[in-house]
Amino acid sequence: MSAATQPLLETIEPDEPSAPNEAPSGNINASSAPRQPVVLTPTSHADGMATNASDAESGLAGIFRQSAHPVVLFFLYLFRSAAIAVYILCGFFTDNYVLSTVFVVLLLAMDFWNCRNVAGRRLVGLRYWNQVDEDGESYWVFESRDPSRPANPIDARMFWIALYAFPALWLALFIVSLLKFNISFIPIVVLALVFNVTNVIGFTYADRDAKQRWANAAASGWGLGMGGIGGQILAGAVKNSVGRVFG
């Protein structure tokens, strides 16, 4: 089978290369029979890493154990949770409105930068930014990882949950502020919504752009193997399905 017609699923690589298992250390009895040499063989994925979402162990410890980037995942939830916690609990520790606002805005800015530049790139292989050309026109730029190296399913699932769940929490806090007529804290909640919704829109469109490019690449590979006819059929089917889902 030629490289052009080889199925994509057979060329998928793990998110992180696995390290060979080390032999356990301990006392060796000199009188025991000599052991056979141990032959180490590479595995297809890292030990303990889930290959799909259904393999995930229950509980927080299981999630971090099977994550390919547990530190990145931890800080993603740390910044987002800390911003909401400081906003809710600041009134119990200080009456200084300016100090509370500064802490919440700092956490929101750190979360926005971390989500866009670190967490999105490491956990789901996506990144976006806004660029202005020489004519002064602004447009979005999207980057995505090679589809032959898919993201860890645990990392991807937890990333999208954080991306969509926390804006919903800030929206609930905005409604509560309106009902309580707490006008002084409404600008903070609005700023939090702007930061979070911007990341939602950016990563949603980046994911859509990556899927369309993957569909075009798959169609091109099929076309090379089928003389162009199969590529046209596959391109039309995939583009139509992507358009229905993300259109």
Protein backbone atom coordinates (compact mmCIF):
# COMPACT_ATOMS: atom_id res chain seq x y z
CA MET A 1 0.00 0.00 0.00
CA SER A 2 1.44 3.39 -0.93
CA ALA A 3 1.88 6.18 1.59
CA ALA A 4 -0.75 8.27 -0.15
CA THR A 5 -3.46 5.68 0.34
CA GLN A 6 -2.55 4.62 3.84
CA PRO A 7 -5.46 5.30 6.26
CA LEU A 8 -4.93 8.20 8.62
CA LEU A 9 -5.89 6.16 11.66
CA GLU A 10 -2.92 3.88 11.16
CA THR A 11 -0.47 6.79 11.36
CA ILE A 12 -1.75 8.43 14.55
CA GLU A 13 1.02 9.03 17.07
CA PRO A 14 0.59 9.42 20.83
CA ASP A 15 0.42 12.92 22.33
CA GLU A 16 3.61 12.29 24.29
CA PRO A 17 6.27 9.63 23.62
CA SER A 18 6.24 6.92 26.22
CA ALA A 19 9.25 6.11 28.33
CA PRO A 20 10.40 2.50 28.59
CA ASN A 21 9.50 0.72 31.81
CA GLU A 22 12.39 0.40 34.24
CA ALA A 23 13.12 -2.88 35.97
CA PRO A 24 12.22 -2.82 39.71
CA SER A 25 15.16 -2.43 42.06
CA GLY A 26 15.76 -4.64 45.10
CA ASN A 27 18.09 -7.17 46.73
CA ILE A 28 19.18 -10.01 44.46
CA ASN A 29 19.97 -13.43 45.91
CA ALA A 30 23.34 -14.53 44.62
CA SER A 31 22.40 -18.20 44.96
CA SER A 32 19.33 -17.93 42.79
CA ALA A 33 19.36 -19.11 39.19
CA PRO A 34 20.40 -16.54 36.59
CA ARG A 35 17.47 -14.72 35.11
CA GLN A 36 16.71 -14.42 31.45
CA PRO A 37 17.54 -11.01 29.97
CA VAL A 38 14.60 -8.63 29.91
CA VAL A 39 13.71 -7.25 26.49
CA LEU A 40 12.00 -3.84 26.54
CA THR A 41 9.56 -3.14 23.74
CA PRO A 42 8.03 0.25 22.97
CA THR A 43 4.33 0.71 23.64
CA SER A 44 1.77 2.51 21.51
CA HIS A 45 0.81 4.96 24.27
CA ALA A 46 2.05 6.13 27.64
CA ASP A 47 1.21 3.97 30.65
CA GLY A 48 -1.89 5.16 32.49
CA MET A 49 -2.96 7.53 29.72
CA ALA A 50 -6.53 7.14 28.51
CA THR A 51 -6.96 6.47 24.80
CA ASN A 52 -10.54 7.70 24.78
CA ALA A 53 -12.94 9.48 27.10
CA SER A 54 -14.68 6.28 28.22
CA ASP A 55 -11.39 4.93 29.65
CA ALA A 56 -11.13 7.78 32.15
CA GLU A 57 -11.06 6.83 35.80
CA SER A 58 -13.56 8.50 38.05
CA GLY A 59 -12.42 11.20 40.41
CA LEU A 60 -10.07 14.13 40.25
CA ALA A 61 -6.97 12.00 40.88
CA GLY A 62 -7.80 9.75 37.94
CA ILE A 63 -8.23 12.74 35.64
CA PHE A 64 -4.83 14.21 36.49
CA ARG A 65 -3.15 10.78 36.40
CA GLN A 66 -4.34 10.13 32.85
CA SER A 67 -3.74 13.66 31.62
CA ALA A 68 -0.80 14.21 29.29
CA HIS A 69 -0.29 17.72 30.72
CA PRO A 70 -1.55 17.70 34.34
CA VAL A 71 0.27 20.90 35.32
CA VAL A 72 -1.27 22.86 32.45
CA LEU A 73 -4.70 21.43 33.26
CA PHE A 74 -4.27 22.34 36.93
CA PHE A 75 -3.42 25.98 36.24
CA LEU A 76 -6.26 26.30 33.75
CA TYR A 77 -8.78 25.47 36.48
CA LEU A 78 -6.79 27.28 39.18
CA PHE A 79 -6.93 30.71 37.54
CA ARG A 80 -10.58 30.37 36.56
CA SER A 81 -11.72 29.09 39.93
CA ALA A 82 -9.62 31.63 41.85
CA ALA A 83 -11.16 34.55 39.95
CA ILE A 84 -14.69 33.45 40.86
CA ALA A 85 -13.70 32.61 44.45
CA VAL A 86 -12.07 36.01 45.03
CA TYR A 87 -15.06 37.78 43.50
CA ILE A 88 -17.53 35.95 45.77
CA LEU A 89 -15.50 35.93 48.99
CA CYS A 90 -13.71 39.28 48.85
CA GLY A 91 -16.50 40.98 50.83
CA PHE A 92 -15.88 38.66 53.79
CA PHE A 93 -12.20 39.63 54.15
CA THR A 94 -11.98 43.28 53.10
CA ASP A 95 -14.17 46.29 52.49
CA ASN A 96 -11.65 47.80 50.08
CA TYR A 97 -13.44 47.77 46.72
CA VAL A 98 -10.35 48.82 44.76
CA LEU A 99 -8.20 46.03 46.20
CA SER A 100 -10.84 43.41 45.45
CA THR A 101 -11.24 44.69 41.90
CA VAL A 102 -7.49 44.64 41.26
CA PHE A 103 -7.16 41.03 42.43
CA VAL A 104 -10.09 39.81 40.32
CA VAL A 105 -8.91 41.67 37.20
CA LEU A 106 -5.37 40.29 37.62
CA LEU A 107 -6.68 36.73 37.86
CA LEU A 108 -8.93 37.27 34.84
CA ALA A 109 -6.03 38.60 32.78
CA MET A 110 -3.77 35.72 33.81
CA ASP A 111 -6.48 33.22 32.96
CA PHE A 112 -7.12 34.83 29.57
CA TRP A 113 -3.44 34.74 28.61
CA ASN A 114 -2.89 31.23 29.96
CA CYS A 115 -5.97 29.80 28.23
CA ARG A 116 -5.19 31.35 24.86
CA ASN A 117 -1.41 30.84 24.71
CA VAL A 118 -0.65 27.83 26.91
CA ALA A 119 -3.66 25.66 27.77
CA GLY A 120 -5.24 25.74 24.32
CA ARG A 121 -1.98 24.92 22.58
CA ARG A 122 -0.95 22.11 24.94
CA LEU A 123 -4.30 20.50 25.73
CA VAL A 124 -6.11 20.62 22.38
CA GLY A 125 -3.45 21.81 19.94
CA LEU A 126 -5.25 25.05 19.04
CA ARG A 127 -4.26 28.70 19.14
CA TYR A 128 -5.71 31.93 17.82
CA TRP A 129 -4.95 35.62 17.73
CA ASN A 130 -6.15 38.79 16.07
CA GLN A 131 -3.88 40.42 13.52
CA VAL A 132 -4.01 43.80 11.80
CA ASP A 133 -2.58 44.09 8.29
CA GLU A 134 -0.92 47.09 6.65
CA ASP A 135 -4.28 48.44 5.46
CA GLY A 136 -5.58 48.55 9.03
CA GLU A 137 -7.98 45.61 8.55
CA SER A 138 -8.31 43.22 11.46
CA TYR A 139 -8.70 39.47 11.00
CA TRP A 140 -8.44 36.24 13.00
CA VAL A 141 -5.52 33.85 12.62
CA PHE A 142 -5.87 30.21 13.69
CA GLU A 143 -3.24 27.54 14.31
CA SER A 144 -3.84 23.84 14.88
CA ARG A 145 -1.73 20.77 15.54
CA ASP A 146 -1.18 18.09 12.91
CA PRO A 147 -4.26 15.78 13.00
CA SER A 148 -1.92 12.76 12.96
CA ARG A 149 -1.08 13.68 16.58
CA PRO A 150 -4.49 14.01 18.27
CA ALA A 151 -4.93 15.51 21.71
CA ASN A 152 -5.28 13.37 24.80
CA PRO A 153 -9.06 12.78 25.20
CA ILE A 154 -8.97 13.61 28.92
CA ASP A 155 -7.18 16.90 28.28
CA ALA A 156 -9.51 17.81 25.42
CA ARG A 157 -12.64 17.00 27.40
CA MET A 158 -11.58 18.96 30.49
CA PHE A 159 -10.47 21.91 28.36
CA TRP A 160 -13.81 22.26 26.58
CA ILE A 161 -15.70 21.85 29.87
CA ALA A 162 -13.69 24.70 31.40
CA LEU A 163 -14.08 26.81 28.28
CA TYR A 164 -17.89 26.67 28.30
CA ALA A 165 -18.73 26.13 31.99
CA PHE A 166 -17.03 29.19 33.50
CA PRO A 167 -18.69 31.75 31.20
CA ALA A 168 -22.01 30.25 32.29
CA LEU A 169 -21.00 30.76 35.94
CA TRP A 170 -20.07 34.39 35.29
CA LEU A 171 -23.37 34.91 33.51
CA ALA A 172 -25.18 33.56 36.59
CA LEU A 173 -23.20 35.99 38.79
CA PHE A 174 -24.13 38.83 36.44
CA ILE A 175 -27.82 38.01 36.84
CA VAL A 176 -27.44 37.83 40.64
CA SER A 177 -25.74 41.24 40.66
CA LEU A 178 -28.63 42.71 38.70
CA LEU A 179 -31.22 41.18 41.01
CA LYS A 180 -29.39 42.48 44.10
CA PHE A 181 -28.80 45.89 42.50
CA ASN A 182 -25.10 45.47 43.24
CA ILE A 183 -24.12 48.00 40.59
CA SER A 184 -20.52 48.47 41.78
CA PHE A 185 -19.52 44.89 40.91
CA ILE A 186 -21.28 44.68 37.54
CA PRO A 187 -18.27 46.08 35.59
CA ILE A 188 -16.07 43.28 36.98
CA VAL A 189 -18.53 40.62 35.87
CA VAL A 190 -18.87 42.24 32.44
CA LEU A 191 -15.07 42.21 32.05
CA ALA A 192 -14.98 38.55 33.06
CA LEU A 193 -17.65 37.75 30.48
CA VAL A 194 -15.70 39.60 27.79
CA PHE A 195 -12.52 37.65 28.53
CA ASN A 196 -14.26 34.27 28.74
CA VAL A 197 -16.55 34.72 25.75
CA THR A 198 -13.61 35.89 23.62
CA ASN A 199 -11.81 32.62 24.34
CA VAL A 200 -14.98 30.65 23.62
CA ILE A 201 -15.41 32.29 20.21
CA GLY A 202 -11.72 32.11 19.33
CA PHE A 203 -11.24 28.43 20.18
CA THR A 204 -14.59 27.41 18.66
CA TYR A 205 -13.63 28.95 15.33
CA ALA A 206 -10.08 27.58 15.62
CA ASP A 207 -11.50 24.09 16.12
CA ARG A 208 -13.83 24.57 13.16
CA ASP A 209 -10.95 25.76 10.98
CA ALA A 210 -8.82 22.76 12.02
CA LYS A 211 -11.61 20.30 11.15
CA GLN A 212 -12.11 21.87 7.72
CA ARG A 213 -8.39 21.74 6.97
CA TRP A 214 -8.27 18.10 8.10
CA ALA A 215 -11.19 17.32 5.81
CA ASN A 216 -9.44 18.99 2.87
CA ALA A 217 -6.21 17.10 3.58
CA ALA A 218 -8.06 13.77 3.84
CA ALA A 219 -9.85 14.47 0.58
CA SER A 220 -6.57 15.31 -1.15
CA GLY A 221 -4.98 12.06 0.04
CA TRP A 222 -7.95 10.03 -1.16
CA GLY A 223 -7.87 11.78 -4.51
CA LEU A 224 -4.22 10.87 -5.10
CA GLY A 225 -4.98 7.20 -4.54
CA MET A 226 -8.21 7.08 -6.55
CA GLY A 227 -7.18 9.17 -9.52
CA GLY A 228 -9.10 12.21 -8.29
CA ILE A 229 -12.61 10.71 -8.39
CA GLY A 230 -12.59 9.41 -4.84
CA GLY A 231 -11.15 12.69 -3.62
CA GLN A 232 -13.98 14.68 -5.13
CA ILE A 233 -16.62 12.39 -3.61
CA LEU A 234 -14.97 12.42 -0.17
CA ALA A 235 -14.39 16.18 -0.26
CA GLY A 236 -18.02 16.86 -1.01
CA ALA A 237 -19.28 14.50 1.70
CA VAL A 238 -16.93 15.76 4.40
CA LYS A 239 -17.45 19.44 3.60
CA ASN A 240 -21.20 19.02 3.66
CA SER A 241 -21.10 17.22 7.02
CA VAL A 242 -18.74 19.82 8.51
CA GLY A 243 -20.94 22.59 7.18
CA ARG A 244 -24.05 21.11 8.77
CA VAL A 245 -22.36 20.70 12.14
CA PHE A 246 -20.50 24.00 12.33
CA GLY A 247 -22.37 26.16 9.88
